[in-house]
Each structure stands twice: as C-alpha cells, then as structure tokens.
Amino acid sequence: MSRHDQEEPSDSDDAGHEENRSGNLLLIVSMLSAGLLVLLALLYFAY
C-alpha cells in the first residue's frame, strides 16, 4: 500500500518518475538480497 502511495505524486514529473523507478528497483533488489542473506543465515544456524 505505502509503495503505491509513493509512486502517485511522481507521475506528474516524467524525468523524476524515471529516476524514482530505477531507485525503487535498486531498493527492491537490495532488500530482496538482504532478505535472502538473512534466510540463509537462519537456515545455517538452524542446522
């Protein structure tokens, strides 16, 4: 929900919207990789 709210205001500015999109993509990728690392660490310590 909050992610959708952040994207709405940037629609008015095309250049800003493109930059925001790439920034969001980077953020999502970094969050996913961090989540995978945490999951791997939990699995490693569980066994």
C-alpha atoms as a PDB file:
ATOM      1  CA  MET A   1       0.000   0.000   0.000  1.00  0.00           C
ATOM      2  CA  SER A   2       2.686   2.520   1.034  1.00  0.00           C
ATOM      3  CA  ARG A   3       4.752   1.768  -2.066  1.00  0.00           C
ATOM      4  CA  HIS A   4       1.775   2.625  -4.288  1.00  0.00           C
ATOM      5  CA  ASP A   5       1.223   5.908  -2.427  1.00  0.00           C
ATOM      6  CA  GLN A   6       4.831   6.944  -3.042  1.00  0.00           C
ATOM      7  CA  GLU A   7       4.584   6.356  -6.803  1.00  0.00           C
ATOM      8  CA  GLU A   8       1.473   8.512  -7.334  1.00  0.00           C
ATOM      9  CA  PRO A   9       2.959  12.033  -6.825  1.00  0.00           C
ATOM     10  CA  SER A  10       5.973  11.307  -9.058  1.00  0.00           C
ATOM     11  CA  ASP A  11       3.677  10.606 -12.049  1.00  0.00           C
ATOM     12  CA  SER A  12       3.400  14.363 -12.743  1.00  0.00           C
ATOM     13  CA  ASP A  13       7.170  14.671 -13.346  1.00  0.00           C
ATOM     14  CA  ASP A  14       8.339  12.289 -16.089  1.00  0.00           C
ATOM     15  CA  ALA A  15      12.092  12.667 -15.502  1.00  0.00           C
ATOM     16  CA  GLY A  16      11.661  12.384 -11.737  1.00  0.00           C
ATOM     17  CA  HIS A  17       9.394   9.392 -12.229  1.00  0.00           C
ATOM     18  CA  GLU A  18      12.037   7.535 -14.236  1.00  0.00           C
ATOM     19  CA  GLU A  19      14.710   8.249 -11.629  1.00  0.00           C
ATOM     20  CA  ASN A  20      12.346   7.201  -8.851  1.00  0.00           C
ATOM     21  CA  ARG A  21      11.541   3.966 -10.685  1.00  0.00           C
ATOM     22  CA  SER A  22      15.207   2.992 -11.020  1.00  0.00           C
ATOM     23  CA  GLY A  23      15.756   3.949  -7.378  1.00  0.00           C
ATOM     24  CA  ASN A  24      12.821   1.814  -6.285  1.00  0.00           C
ATOM     25  CA  LEU A  25      14.147  -1.086  -8.370  1.00  0.00           C
ATOM     26  CA  LEU A  26      17.548  -0.800  -6.688  1.00  0.00           C
ATOM     27  CA  LEU A  27      15.884  -0.634  -3.279  1.00  0.00           C
ATOM     28  CA  ILE A  28      13.751  -3.701  -4.026  1.00  0.00           C
ATOM     29  CA  VAL A  29      16.753  -5.683  -5.307  1.00  0.00           C
ATOM     30  CA  SER A  30      18.873  -4.764  -2.278  1.00  0.00           C
ATOM     31  CA  MET A  31      16.015  -5.624   0.093  1.00  0.00           C
ATOM     32  CA  LEU A  32      15.497  -8.990  -1.635  1.00  0.00           C
ATOM     33  CA  SER A  33      19.203  -9.831  -1.474  1.00  0.00           C
ATOM     34  CA  ALA A  34      19.326  -8.803   2.196  1.00  0.00           C
ATOM     35  CA  GLY A  35      16.261 -10.953   2.915  1.00  0.00           C
ATOM     36  CA  LEU A  36      17.878 -13.926   1.167  1.00  0.00           C
ATOM     37  CA  LEU A  37      21.052 -13.453   3.197  1.00  0.00           C
ATOM     38  CA  VAL A  38      19.022 -13.376   6.427  1.00  0.00           C
ATOM     39  CA  LEU A  39      17.107 -16.507   5.391  1.00  0.00           C
ATOM     40  CA  LEU A  40      20.355 -18.304   4.547  1.00  0.00           C
ATOM     41  CA  ALA A  41      21.865 -17.266   7.889  1.00  0.00           C
ATOM     42  CA  LEU A  42      18.782 -18.525   9.765  1.00  0.00           C
ATOM     43  CA  LEU A  43      18.882 -21.841   7.890  1.00  0.00           C
ATOM     44  CA  TYR A  44      22.633 -22.126   8.527  1.00  0.00           C
ATOM     45  CA  PHE A  45      22.245 -21.548  12.276  1.00  0.00           C
ATOM     46  CA  ALA A  46      19.165 -23.793  12.464  1.00  0.00           C
ATOM     47  CA  TYR A  47      21.125 -26.854  11.290  1.00  0.00           C
END
